[in-house]
Protein backbone atom coordinates (compact mmCIF):
# COMPACT_ATOMS: atom_id res chain seq x y z
CA MET A 1 243.93 153.45 329.33
CA LEU A 2 241.36 156.26 330.60
CA PRO A 3 243.17 158.18 333.39
CA GLY A 4 240.80 157.86 336.60
CA VAL A 5 238.62 155.37 335.28
CA GLU A 6 238.03 152.62 338.02
CA PHE A 7 237.37 149.61 335.73
CA SER A 8 236.64 147.37 338.83
CA SER A 9 233.63 149.37 339.22
CA LEU A 10 232.24 148.62 335.67
CA ARG A 11 228.94 147.06 335.54
CA LEU A 12 226.79 145.91 332.74
CA ALA A 13 223.52 147.96 332.89
CA LEU A 14 222.00 147.46 329.41
CA VAL A 15 221.67 144.78 327.19
CA ASP A 16 219.81 145.44 323.90
CA ASP A 17 220.42 143.23 320.83
CA ASP A 18 223.94 143.26 320.07
CA ARG A 19 224.56 146.54 322.26
CA ARG A 20 225.74 146.79 325.80
CA VAL A 21 225.99 149.60 327.94
CA TYR A 22 228.41 149.74 330.97
CA ILE A 23 228.36 152.35 333.73
CA GLY A 24 231.48 152.73 336.21
CA ARG A 25 232.91 155.26 338.44
CA ARG A 26 235.65 158.25 337.20
CA GLY A 27 237.29 159.64 340.32
CA HIS A 28 235.42 160.85 343.41
CA ASP A 29 232.53 162.58 341.56
CA GLY A 30 232.87 161.20 338.12
CA LEU A 31 230.84 158.46 336.39
CA PHE A 32 231.79 156.78 333.18
CA VAL A 33 229.49 155.28 330.49
CA LEU A 34 230.92 152.59 327.92
CA PHE A 35 228.81 151.59 324.71
CA LEU A 36 230.20 148.36 322.90
CA ASP A 37 228.60 146.43 319.92
CA VAL A 38 229.86 143.97 317.82
CA ARG A 39 231.78 146.78 315.48
CA GLY A 40 233.25 148.89 318.48
CA GLY A 41 232.04 151.29 320.65
CA SER A 42 232.55 154.57 322.53
CA GLY A 43 232.52 155.88 326.04
CA SER A 44 231.78 159.15 327.83
CA GLU A 45 232.55 160.71 331.21
CA GLY A 46 230.77 163.20 333.33
CA ARG A 47 230.13 164.42 336.84
CA ARG A 48 227.42 163.16 339.25
CA SER A 49 226.66 166.78 339.77
CA THR A 50 226.38 167.25 335.76
CA LEU A 51 223.94 164.21 335.89
CA ALA A 52 222.01 165.86 338.65
CA GLU A 53 221.74 169.24 337.05
CA ARG A 54 221.31 168.18 333.15
CA GLY A 55 219.55 164.44 333.94
CA ALA A 56 222.02 162.85 331.50
CA ILE A 57 225.35 161.59 330.47
CA VAL A 58 225.45 160.81 326.82
CA ALA A 59 228.03 158.96 324.34
CA TRP A 60 227.59 159.22 320.82
CA SER A 61 228.94 156.66 318.24
CA SER A 62 228.37 156.42 314.21
CA VAL A 63 227.70 152.81 313.03
CA PRO A 64 227.35 151.34 309.57
CA GLY A 65 224.35 151.83 307.48
CA ASP A 66 224.10 155.63 308.02
CA ARG A 67 223.00 155.68 311.38
CA PHE A 68 224.46 156.49 314.94
CA VAL A 69 223.85 155.38 318.60
CA ALA A 70 223.29 157.66 321.55
CA ALA A 71 223.83 155.76 324.80
CA GLY A 72 224.38 156.91 328.27
CA ILE A 73 223.18 157.48 331.91
CA VAL A 74 220.25 158.87 333.40
CA ALA A 75 219.12 160.36 336.54
CA ASP A 76 216.91 158.09 338.86
CA PRO A 77 213.34 159.41 338.36
CA VAL A 78 213.78 159.12 334.44
CA MET A 79 211.08 156.46 333.40
CA ALA A 80 211.69 156.89 329.50
CA VAL A 81 214.24 158.07 327.10
CA ARG A 82 213.57 159.34 323.36
CA VAL A 83 216.21 160.63 321.04
CA GLY A 84 214.04 162.97 318.54
CA GLU A 85 211.16 160.47 318.31
CA ILE A 86 213.14 157.12 318.71
CA PRO A 87 212.41 155.46 322.09
CA ALA A 88 215.69 154.22 323.62
CA ALA A 89 216.11 151.08 325.60
CA LEU A 90 216.28 151.79 329.43
CA ARG A 91 217.35 149.65 332.32
CA ASN A 92 219.45 150.42 335.45
CA ASN A 93 219.99 153.96 334.74
CA ALA A 94 221.36 153.09 331.28
CA PHE A 95 219.99 153.92 328.11
CA ALA A 96 220.64 153.10 324.22
CA ALA A 97 218.98 154.07 320.94
CA LEU A 98 219.72 153.37 317.29
CA ILE A 99 219.20 156.64 315.33
CA PRO A 100 219.17 157.05 311.65
CA LEU A 101 221.44 159.73 310.31
CA GLY A 102 219.39 162.94 309.73
CA ALA A 103 217.09 162.41 312.51
CA SER A 104 216.59 164.64 315.31
CA ASP A 105 219.32 164.16 318.21
CA VAL A 106 217.44 166.12 320.82
CA LEU A 107 217.34 163.83 324.02
CA HIS A 108 213.95 163.49 326.05
CA ARG A 109 213.73 162.29 329.34
CA ASP A 110 210.18 161.52 330.87
CA HIS A 111 209.73 161.54 334.73
CA PRO A 112 207.38 162.11 337.11
């Protein structure tokens, strides 16, 4: 169990192929992102204030085939997300992108 994560608040925010991204609350100012696929997953947490300041909360997970997944939460004004040159699926403030090993891991957010 993860201390402070309000599991009843978890909601499915994004479905992309076999990947699922859930978003939930953690304490008073916290958010939790959970990435799951058929092989496992990962999670990350951050404060709402960090999301407002930096624009994203990101979880990284390695997957078979020399690849990794970047999944997370972005702020409301974000209209598109890329990791390096790879576009991410984006829905309900959640994103996920499958990235080849060795590719750029710089997160880009497009907003007005």
